[in-house]
Amino acid sequence: MPVTLKDVEYLAKLAKLDLSPEERVAFQRELDKIIGYIDQLNELDTENVPITSHVIPLQNVLREDEVLPSLSADQALANAPRKKKGFFRVPKVIG
């Protein structure tokens, strides 16, 4: 199915692009080539190709969660320049 100028104008409107008439024609040709290439891919026999989400197998490289000693609230706030009721006090950034 060839790409028409109407298709290009619709896509330009969605993308909020203001295309000149020459650009519309150029985009029409380029998009038509891209769609033609994708149509060629549809002709490939993929019947015996397994479905994959990645070409190489992935594995989680993160370590297992482990409970470790951590700072108490008082230790965490010990060097805070400003604190209030057990929390860090920071300047207001949103009006």
PDB file of N, CA and C in Angstrom:
ATOM      1  N   MET A   1       0.846  -1.169   0.000  1.00  0.00           N
ATOM      2  CA  MET A   1       0.000   0.000   0.000  1.00  0.00           C
ATOM      3  C   MET A   1       0.898   1.242   0.000  1.00  0.00           C
ATOM      4  N   PRO A   2       0.865   2.004  -1.065  1.00  0.00           N
ATOM      5  CA  PRO A   2       1.742   3.170  -1.159  1.00  0.00           C
ATOM      6  C   PRO A   2       1.317   4.280  -0.191  1.00  0.00           C
ATOM      7  N   VAL A   3       2.300   5.046   0.268  1.00  0.00           N
ATOM      8  CA  VAL A   3       2.048   6.182   1.152  1.00  0.00           C
ATOM      9  C   VAL A   3       1.621   7.362   0.291  1.00  0.00           C
ATOM     10  N   THR A   4       0.527   8.001   0.677  1.00  0.00           N
ATOM     11  CA  THR A   4       0.012   9.136  -0.090  1.00  0.00           C
ATOM     12  C   THR A   4       0.411  10.448   0.587  1.00  0.00           C
ATOM     13  N   LEU A   5       0.247  11.533  -0.136  1.00  0.00           N
ATOM     14  CA  LEU A   5       0.503  12.856   0.445  1.00  0.00           C
ATOM     15  C   LEU A   5      -0.450  13.123   1.609  1.00  0.00           C
ATOM     16  N   LYS A   6      -1.669  12.587   1.504  1.00  0.00           N
ATOM     17  CA  LYS A   6      -2.629  12.742   2.599  1.00  0.00           C
ATOM     18  C   LYS A   6      -2.101  12.061   3.862  1.00  0.00           C
ATOM     19  N   ASP A   7      -1.464  10.887   3.710  1.00  0.00           N
ATOM     20  CA  ASP A   7      -0.862  10.188   4.857  1.00  0.00           C
ATOM     21  C   ASP A   7       0.245  11.035   5.476  1.00  0.00           C
ATOM     22  N   VAL A   8       1.075  11.627   4.627  1.00  0.00           N
ATOM     23  CA  VAL A   8       2.185  12.458   5.112  1.00  0.00           C
ATOM     24  C   VAL A   8       1.645  13.679   5.852  1.00  0.00           C
ATOM     25  N   GLU A   9       0.606  14.293   5.317  1.00  0.00           N
ATOM     26  CA  GLU A   9       0.012  15.458   5.969  1.00  0.00           C
ATOM     27  C   GLU A   9      -0.570  15.083   7.325  1.00  0.00           C
ATOM     28  N   TYR A  10      -1.198  13.906   7.403  1.00  0.00           N
ATOM     29  CA  TYR A  10      -1.761  13.432   8.666  1.00  0.00           C
ATOM     30  C   TYR A  10      -0.654  13.191   9.699  1.00  0.00           C
ATOM     31  N   LEU A  11       0.420  12.524   9.276  1.00  0.00           N
ATOM     32  CA  LEU A  11       1.543  12.277  10.180  1.00  0.00           C
ATOM     33  C   LEU A  11       2.197  13.585  10.628  1.00  0.00           C
ATOM     34  N   ALA A  12       2.324  14.530   9.703  1.00  0.00           N
ATOM     35  CA  ALA A  12       2.912  15.827  10.036  1.00  0.00           C
ATOM     36  C   ALA A  12       2.035  16.552  11.058  1.00  0.00           C
ATOM     37  N   LYS A  13       0.743  16.434  10.915  1.00  0.00           N
ATOM     38  CA  LYS A  13      -0.171  17.066  11.871  1.00  0.00           C
ATOM     39  C   LYS A  13      -0.013  16.424  13.250  1.00  0.00           C
ATOM     40  N   LEU A  14       0.068  15.090  13.306  1.00  0.00           N
ATOM     41  CA  LEU A  14       0.255  14.397  14.582  1.00  0.00           C
ATOM     42  C   LEU A  14       1.563  14.799  15.250  1.00  0.00           C
ATOM     43  N   ALA A  15       2.613  14.967  14.438  1.00  0.00           N
ATOM     44  CA  ALA A  15       3.932  15.328  14.955  1.00  0.00           C
ATOM     45  C   ALA A  15       4.095  16.841  15.111  1.00  0.00           C
ATOM     46  N   LYS A  16       3.045  17.581  14.761  1.00  0.00           N
ATOM     47  CA  LYS A  16       3.061  19.047  14.843  1.00  0.00           C
ATOM     48  C   LYS A  16       4.217  19.628  14.036  1.00  0.00           C
ATOM     49  N   LEU A  17       4.351  19.122  12.799  1.00  0.00           N
ATOM     50  CA  LEU A  17       5.382  19.599  11.881  1.00  0.00           C
ATOM     51  C   LEU A  17       4.736  20.442  10.799  1.00  0.00           C
ATOM     52  N   ASP A  18       5.378  21.519  10.443  1.00  0.00           N
ATOM     53  CA  ASP A  18       4.916  22.360   9.348  1.00  0.00           C
ATOM     54  C   ASP A  18       5.833  22.089   8.164  1.00  0.00           C
ATOM     55  N   LEU A  19       5.387  21.233   7.245  1.00  0.00           N
ATOM     56  CA  LEU A  19       6.221  20.819   6.119  1.00  0.00           C
ATOM     57  C   LEU A  19       5.892  21.629   4.875  1.00  0.00           C
ATOM     58  N   SER A  20       6.924  21.972   4.138  1.00  0.00           N
ATOM     59  CA  SER A  20       6.724  22.634   2.848  1.00  0.00           C
ATOM     60  C   SER A  20       6.249  21.582   1.843  1.00  0.00           C
ATOM     61  N   PRO A  21       5.695  22.011   0.711  1.00  0.00           N
ATOM     62  CA  PRO A  21       5.258  21.042  -0.305  1.00  0.00           C
ATOM     63  C   PRO A  21       6.402  20.130  -0.769  1.00  0.00           C
ATOM     64  N   GLU A  22       7.614  20.669  -0.887  1.00  0.00           N
ATOM     65  CA  GLU A  22       8.757  19.849  -1.307  1.00  0.00           C
ATOM     66  C   GLU A  22       9.087  18.796  -0.248  1.00  0.00           C
ATOM     67  N   GLU A  23       9.011  19.212   1.023  1.00  0.00           N
ATOM     68  CA  GLU A  23       9.289  18.267   2.108  1.00  0.00           C
ATOM     69  C   GLU A  23       8.234  17.162   2.160  1.00  0.00           C
ATOM     70  N   ARG A  24       6.992  17.509   1.893  1.00  0.00           N
ATOM     71  CA  ARG A  24       5.921  16.497   1.883  1.00  0.00           C
ATOM     72  C   ARG A  24       6.198  15.430   0.828  1.00  0.00           C
ATOM     73  N   VAL A  25       6.601  15.877  -0.342  1.00  0.00           N
ATOM     74  CA  VAL A  25       6.902  14.931  -1.423  1.00  0.00           C
ATOM     75  C   VAL A  25       8.107  14.074  -1.052  1.00  0.00           C
ATOM     76  N   ALA A  26       9.134  14.691  -0.458  1.00  0.00           N
ATOM     77  CA  ALA A  26      10.331  13.946  -0.058  1.00  0.00           C
ATOM     78  C   ALA A  26       9.983  12.919   1.013  1.00  0.00           C
ATOM     79  N   PHE A  27       9.187  13.325   2.000  1.00  0.00           N
ATOM     80  CA  PHE A  27       8.787  12.391   3.059  1.00  0.00           C
ATOM     81  C   PHE A  27       7.922  11.269   2.495  1.00  0.00           C
ATOM     82  N   GLN A  28       7.082  11.599   1.526  1.00  0.00           N
ATOM     83  CA  GLN A  28       6.237  10.570   0.911  1.00  0.00           C
ATOM     84  C   GLN A  28       7.108   9.489   0.275  1.00  0.00           C
ATOM     85  N   ARG A  29       8.131   9.910  -0.484  1.00  0.00           N
ATOM     86  CA  ARG A  29       9.033   8.944  -1.115  1.00  0.00           C
ATOM     87  C   ARG A  29       9.767   8.096  -0.075  1.00  0.00           C
ATOM     88  N   GLU A  30      10.309   8.771   0.963  1.00  0.00           N
ATOM     89  CA  GLU A  30      11.076   8.057   1.990  1.00  0.00           C
ATOM     90  C   GLU A  30      10.201   7.074   2.769  1.00  0.00           C
ATOM     91  N   LEU A  31       9.017   7.516   3.158  1.00  0.00           N
ATOM     92  CA  LEU A  31       8.121   6.627   3.900  1.00  0.00           C
ATOM     93  C   LEU A  31       7.668   5.459   3.034  1.00  0.00           C
ATOM     94  N   ASP A  32       7.467   5.721   1.758  1.00  0.00           N
ATOM     95  CA  ASP A  32       7.076   4.652   0.838  1.00  0.00           C
ATOM     96  C   ASP A  32       8.185   3.603   0.740  1.00  0.00           C
ATOM     97  N   LYS A  33       9.450   4.047   0.712  1.00  0.00           N
ATOM     98  CA  LYS A  33      10.579   3.102   0.681  1.00  0.00           C
ATOM     99  C   LYS A  33      10.639   2.281   1.968  1.00  0.00           C
ATOM    100  N   ILE A  34      10.418   2.941   3.109  1.00  0.00           N
ATOM    101  CA  ILE A  34      10.466   2.238   4.400  1.00  0.00           C
ATOM    102  C   ILE A  34       9.371   1.186   4.473  1.00  0.00           C
ATOM    103  N   ILE A  35       8.160   1.554   4.096  1.00  0.00           N
ATOM    104  CA  ILE A  35       7.041   0.600   4.116  1.00  0.00           C
ATOM    105  C   ILE A  35       7.309  -0.538   3.140  1.00  0.00           C
ATOM    106  N   GLY A  36       7.897  -0.228   1.985  1.00  0.00           N
ATOM    107  CA  GLY A  36       8.247  -1.273   1.019  1.00  0.00           C
ATOM    108  C   GLY A  36       9.259  -2.255   1.598  1.00  0.00           C
ATOM    109  N   TYR A  37      10.233  -1.741   2.332  1.00  0.00           N
ATOM    110  CA  TYR A  37      11.223  -2.621   2.961  1.00  0.00           C
ATOM    111  C   TYR A  37      10.564  -3.521   4.002  1.00  0.00           C
ATOM    112  N   ILE A  38       9.661  -2.964   4.789  1.00  0.00           N
ATOM    113  CA  ILE A  38       8.962  -3.758   5.797  1.00  0.00           C
ATOM    114  C   ILE A  38       8.121  -4.829   5.117  1.00  0.00           C
ATOM    115  N   ASP A  39       7.510  -4.507   3.989  1.00  0.00           N
ATOM    116  CA  ASP A  39       6.744  -5.509   3.246  1.00  0.00           C
ATOM    117  C   ASP A  39       7.638  -6.661   2.792  1.00  0.00           C
ATOM    118  N   GLN A  40       8.894  -6.364   2.436  1.00  0.00           N
ATOM    119  CA  GLN A  40       9.831  -7.434   2.065  1.00  0.00           C
ATOM    120  C   GLN A  40      10.074  -8.361   3.249  1.00  0.00           C
ATOM    121  N   LEU A  41      10.173  -7.796   4.435  1.00  0.00           N
ATOM    122  CA  LEU A  41      10.389  -8.610   5.632  1.00  0.00           C
ATOM    123  C   LEU A  41       9.203  -9.539   5.885  1.00  0.00           C
ATOM    124  N   ASN A  42       8.004  -9.104   5.518  1.00  0.00           N
ATOM    125  CA  ASN A  42       6.820  -9.937   5.708  1.00  0.00           C
ATOM    126  C   ASN A  42       6.841 -11.185   4.822  1.00  0.00           C
ATOM    127  N   GLU A  43       7.673 -11.182   3.779  1.00  0.00           N
ATOM    128  CA  GLU A  43       7.762 -12.335   2.887  1.00  0.00           C
ATOM    129  C   GLU A  43       8.654 -13.442   3.442  1.00  0.00           C
ATOM    130  N   LEU A  44       9.416 -13.157   4.499  1.00  0.00           N
ATOM    131  CA  LEU A  44      10.317 -14.155   5.073  1.00  0.00           C
ATOM    132  C   LEU A  44       9.538 -15.261   5.771  1.00  0.00           C
ATOM    133  N   ASP A  45      10.043 -16.486   5.652  1.00  0.00           N
ATOM    134  CA  ASP A  45       9.434 -17.622   6.336  1.00  0.00           C
ATOM    135  C   ASP A  45       9.988 -17.684   7.761  1.00  0.00           C
ATOM    136  N   THR A  46       9.154 -17.384   8.727  1.00  0.00           N
ATOM    137  CA  THR A  46       9.577 -17.395  10.130  1.00  0.00           C
ATOM    138  C   THR A  46       8.850 -18.491  10.913  1.00  0.00           C
ATOM    139  N   GLU A  47       8.341 -19.467  10.201  1.00  0.00           N
ATOM    140  CA  GLU A  47       7.560 -20.537  10.826  1.00  0.00           C
ATOM    141  C   GLU A  47       8.339 -21.268  11.910  1.00  0.00           C
ATOM    142  N   ASN A  48       9.617 -21.583  11.662  1.00  0.00           N
ATOM    143  CA  ASN A  48      10.402 -22.370  12.610  1.00  0.00           C
ATOM    144  C   ASN A  48      11.366 -21.530  13.444  1.00  0.00           C
ATOM    145  N   VAL A  49      11.153 -20.237  13.477  1.00  0.00           N
ATOM    146  CA  VAL A  49      12.013 -19.352  14.261  1.00  0.00           C
ATOM    147  C   VAL A  49      11.365 -19.167  15.630  1.00  0.00           C
ATOM    148  N   PRO A  50      12.077 -19.515  16.696  1.00  0.00           N
ATOM    149  CA  PRO A  50      11.469 -19.373  18.022  1.00  0.00           C
ATOM    150  C   PRO A  50      11.271 -17.900  18.392  1.00  0.00           C
ATOM    151  N   ILE A  51      10.229 -17.653  19.142  1.00  0.00           N
ATOM    152  CA  ILE A  51       9.937 -16.295  19.590  1.00  0.00           C
ATOM    153  C   ILE A  51      10.966 -15.906  20.645  1.00  0.00           C
ATOM    154  N   THR A  52      11.589 -14.736  20.464  1.00  0.00           N
ATOM    155  CA  THR A  52      12.581 -14.266  21.426  1.00  0.00           C
ATOM    156  C   THR A  52      12.342 -12.799  21.715  1.00  0.00           C
ATOM    157  N   SER A  53      12.679 -12.398  22.920  1.00  0.00           N
ATOM    158  CA  SER A  53      12.605 -10.976  23.240  1.00  0.00           C
ATOM    159  C   SER A  53      13.991 -10.355  23.183  1.00  0.00           C
ATOM    160  N   HIS A  54      15.041 -11.191  23.300  1.00  0.00           N
ATOM    161  CA  HIS A  54      16.425 -10.738  23.213  1.00  0.00           C
ATOM    162  C   HIS A  54      17.224 -11.766  22.423  1.00  0.00           C
ATOM    163  N   VAL A  55      18.207 -11.294  21.726  1.00  0.00           N
ATOM    164  CA  VAL A  55      19.035 -12.183  20.918  1.00  0.00           C
ATOM    165  C   VAL A  55      19.918 -13.050  21.801  1.00  0.00           C
ATOM    166  N   ILE A  56      20.404 -12.480  22.889  1.00  0.00           N
ATOM    167  CA  ILE A  56      21.240 -13.247  23.808  1.00  0.00           C
ATOM    168  C   ILE A  56      20.478 -13.450  25.114  1.00  0.00           C
ATOM    169  N   PRO A  57      20.716 -14.567  25.791  1.00  0.00           N
ATOM    170  CA  PRO A  57      20.003 -14.789  27.053  1.00  0.00           C
ATOM    171  C   PRO A  57      20.429 -13.771  28.116  1.00  0.00           C
ATOM    172  N   LEU A  58      19.464 -13.328  28.890  1.00  0.00           N
ATOM    173  CA  LEU A  58      19.746 -12.354  29.932  1.00  0.00           C
ATOM    174  C   LEU A  58      19.659 -13.025  31.299  1.00  0.00           C
ATOM    175  N   GLN A  59      20.440 -12.518  32.228  1.00  0.00           N
ATOM    176  CA  GLN A  59      20.330 -12.988  33.599  1.00  0.00           C
ATOM    177  C   GLN A  59      20.502 -11.807  34.537  1.00  0.00           C
ATOM    178  N   ASN A  60      19.917 -11.913  35.683  1.00  0.00           N
ATOM    179  CA  ASN A  60      20.008 -10.854  36.671  1.00  0.00           C
ATOM    180  C   ASN A  60      21.404 -10.869  37.273  1.00  0.00           C
ATOM    181  N   VAL A  61      22.081  -9.722  37.248  1.00  0.00           N
ATOM    182  CA  VAL A  61      23.440  -9.661  37.771  1.00  0.00           C
ATOM    183  C   VAL A  61      23.476  -9.039  39.171  1.00  0.00           C
ATOM    184  N   LEU A  62      22.320  -8.792  39.746  1.00  0.00           N
ATOM    185  CA  LEU A  62      22.273  -8.213  41.070  1.00  0.00           C
ATOM    186  C   LEU A  62      22.436  -9.302  42.126  1.00  0.00           C
ATOM    187  N   ARG A  63      23.007  -8.934  43.242  1.00  0.00           N
ATOM    188  CA  ARG A  63      23.185  -9.893  44.326  1.00  0.00           C
ATOM    189  C   ARG A  63      21.859 -10.093  45.045  1.00  0.00           C
ATOM    190  N   GLU A  64      21.774 -11.133  45.822  1.00  0.00           N
ATOM    191  CA  GLU A  64      20.582 -11.388  46.619  1.00  0.00           C
ATOM    192  C   GLU A  64      20.451 -10.307  47.685  1.00  0.00           C
ATOM    193  N   ASP A  65      19.222  -9.972  48.047  1.00  0.00           N
ATOM    194  CA  ASP A  65      19.006  -9.016  49.126  1.00  0.00           C
ATOM    195  C   ASP A  65      19.489  -9.626  50.438  1.00  0.00           C
ATOM    196  N   GLU A  66      20.136  -8.792  51.213  1.00  0.00           N
ATOM    197  CA  GLU A  66      20.670  -9.263  52.486  1.00  0.00           C
ATOM    198  C   GLU A  66      20.519  -8.138  53.501  1.00  0.00           C
ATOM    199  N   VAL A  67      19.942  -8.457  54.652  1.00  0.00           N
ATOM    200  CA  VAL A  67      19.773  -7.449  55.693  1.00  0.00           C
ATOM    201  C   VAL A  67      21.124  -7.191  56.330  1.00  0.00           C
ATOM    202  N   LEU A  68      21.529  -5.915  56.345  1.00  0.00           N
ATOM    203  CA  LEU A  68      22.806  -5.506  56.926  1.00  0.00           C
ATOM    204  C   LEU A  68      22.555  -4.408  57.948  1.00  0.00           C
ATOM    205  N   PRO A  69      23.481  -4.217  58.873  1.00  0.00           N
ATOM    206  CA  PRO A  69      23.297  -3.127  59.828  1.00  0.00           C
ATOM    207  C   PRO A  69      23.276  -1.785  59.098  1.00  0.00           C
ATOM    208  N   SER A  70      22.458  -0.865  59.590  1.00  0.00           N
ATOM    209  CA  SER A  70      22.386   0.457  58.970  1.00  0.00           C
ATOM    210  C   SER A  70      22.370   1.521  60.052  1.00  0.00           C
ATOM    211  N   LEU A  71      22.351   2.762  59.635  1.00  0.00           N
ATOM    212  CA  LEU A  71      22.357   3.872  60.581  1.00  0.00           C
ATOM    213  C   LEU A  71      21.004   4.007  61.265  1.00  0.00           C
ATOM    214  N   SER A  72      21.032   4.385  62.508  1.00  0.00           N
ATOM    215  CA  SER A  72      19.781   4.736  63.187  1.00  0.00           C
ATOM    216  C   SER A  72      19.392   6.133  62.712  1.00  0.00           C
ATOM    217  N   ALA A  73      18.170   6.533  62.997  1.00  0.00           N
ATOM    218  CA  ALA A  73      17.706   7.866  62.593  1.00  0.00           C
ATOM    219  C   ALA A  73      18.576   8.939  63.226  1.00  0.00           C
ATOM    220  N   ASP A  74      18.936   8.762  64.494  1.00  0.00           N
ATOM    221  CA  ASP A  74      19.782   9.764  65.167  1.00  0.00           C
ATOM    222  C   ASP A  74      21.159   9.862  64.519  1.00  0.00           C
ATOM    223  N   GLN A  75      21.735   8.716  64.136  1.00  0.00           N
ATOM    224  CA  GLN A  75      23.051   8.740  63.485  1.00  0.00           C
ATOM    225  C   GLN A  75      22.969   9.412  62.116  1.00  0.00           C
ATOM    226  N   ALA A  76      21.903   9.127  61.375  1.00  0.00           N
ATOM    227  CA  ALA A  76      21.750   9.721  60.045  1.00  0.00           C
ATOM    228  C   ALA A  76      21.591  11.232  60.132  1.00  0.00           C
ATOM    229  N   LEU A  77      20.916  11.709  61.168  1.00  0.00           N
ATOM    230  CA  LEU A  77      20.668  13.143  61.329  1.00  0.00           C
ATOM    231  C   LEU A  77      21.770  13.866  62.089  1.00  0.00           C
ATOM    232  N   ALA A  78      22.767  13.141  62.559  1.00  0.00           N
ATOM    233  CA  ALA A  78      23.799  13.737  63.420  1.00  0.00           C
ATOM    234  C   ALA A  78      24.484  14.936  62.781  1.00  0.00           C
ATOM    235  N   ASN A  79      24.799  14.904  61.512  1.00  0.00           N
ATOM    236  CA  ASN A  79      25.509  16.002  60.852  1.00  0.00           C
ATOM    237  C   ASN A  79      24.605  16.893  60.001  1.00  0.00           C
ATOM    238  N   ALA A  80      23.299  16.698  60.123  1.00  0.00           N
ATOM    239  CA  ALA A  80      22.377  17.505  59.323  1.00  0.00           C
ATOM    240  C   ALA A  80      22.413  18.949  59.801  1.00  0.00           C
ATOM    241  N   PRO A  81      22.543  19.920  58.892  1.00  0.00           N
ATOM    242  CA  PRO A  81      22.574  21.318  59.318  1.00  0.00           C
ATOM    243  C   PRO A  81      21.246  21.752  59.931  1.00  0.00           C
ATOM    244  N   ARG A  82      20.150  21.180  59.421  1.00  0.00           N
ATOM    245  CA  ARG A  82      18.831  21.521  59.979  1.00  0.00           C
ATOM    246  C   ARG A  82      17.999  20.255  60.040  1.00  0.00           C
ATOM    247  N   LYS A  83      17.325  20.070  61.158  1.00  0.00           N
ATOM    248  CA  LYS A  83      16.448  18.905  61.318  1.00  0.00           C
ATOM    249  C   LYS A  83      15.248  19.313  62.148  1.00  0.00           C
ATOM    250  N   LYS A  84      14.153  18.563  61.967  1.00  0.00           N
ATOM    251  CA  LYS A  84      12.929  18.856  62.707  1.00  0.00           C
ATOM    252  C   LYS A  84      12.150  17.571  62.886  1.00  0.00           C
ATOM    253  N   LYS A  85      11.845  17.216  64.114  1.00  0.00           N
ATOM    254  CA  LYS A  85      11.033  16.055  64.462  1.00  0.00           C
ATOM    255  C   LYS A  85      11.544  14.774  63.806  1.00  0.00           C
ATOM    256  N   GLY A  86      12.844  14.569  63.790  1.00  0.00           N
ATOM    257  CA  GLY A  86      13.410  13.339  63.261  1.00  0.00           C
ATOM    258  C   GLY A  86      13.557  13.298  61.748  1.00  0.00           C
ATOM    259  N   PHE A  87      13.424  14.431  61.092  1.00  0.00           N
ATOM    260  CA  PHE A  87      13.553  14.480  59.628  1.00  0.00           C
ATOM    261  C   PHE A  87      14.564  15.552  59.241  1.00  0.00           C
ATOM    262  N   PHE A  88      15.136  15.419  58.024  1.00  0.00           N
ATOM    263  CA  PHE A  88      15.972  16.477  57.466  1.00  0.00           C
ATOM    264  C   PHE A  88      15.069  17.646  57.119  1.00  0.00           C
ATOM    265  N   ARG A  89      15.506  18.837  57.424  1.00  0.00           N
ATOM    266  CA  ARG A  89      14.748  20.024  57.049  1.00  0.00           C
ATOM    267  C   ARG A  89      15.480  20.669  55.876  1.00  0.00           C
ATOM    268  N   VAL A  90      14.749  20.876  54.794  1.00  0.00           N
ATOM    269  CA  VAL A  90      15.347  21.430  53.572  1.00  0.00           C
ATOM    270  C   VAL A  90      14.586  22.682  53.154  1.00  0.00           C
ATOM    271  N   PRO A  91      15.220  23.549  52.360  1.00  0.00           N
ATOM    272  CA  PRO A  91      14.520  24.756  51.901  1.00  0.00           C
ATOM    273  C   PRO A  91      13.341  24.389  50.987  1.00  0.00           C
ATOM    274  N   LYS A  92      12.330  25.183  51.038  1.00  0.00           N
ATOM    275  CA  LYS A  92      11.162  24.992  50.179  1.00  0.00           C
ATOM    276  C   LYS A  92      11.571  25.303  48.734  1.00  0.00           C
ATOM    277  N   VAL A  93      11.284  24.380  47.819  1.00  0.00           N
ATOM    278  CA  VAL A  93      11.670  24.593  46.416  1.00  0.00           C
ATOM    279  C   VAL A  93      10.473  24.771  45.498  1.00  0.00           C
ATOM    280  N   ILE A  94       9.281  24.426  45.954  1.00  0.00           N
ATOM    281  CA  ILE A  94       8.082  24.592  45.143  1.00  0.00           C
ATOM    282  C   ILE A  94       7.181  25.592  45.857  1.00  0.00           C
ATOM    283  N   GLY A  95       6.776  26.631  45.120  1.00  0.00           N
ATOM    284  CA  GLY A  95       5.979  27.705  45.712  1.00  0.00           C
ATOM    285  C   GLY A  95       4.613  27.327  45.958  1.00  0.00           C
TER     286      GLY A  95
END
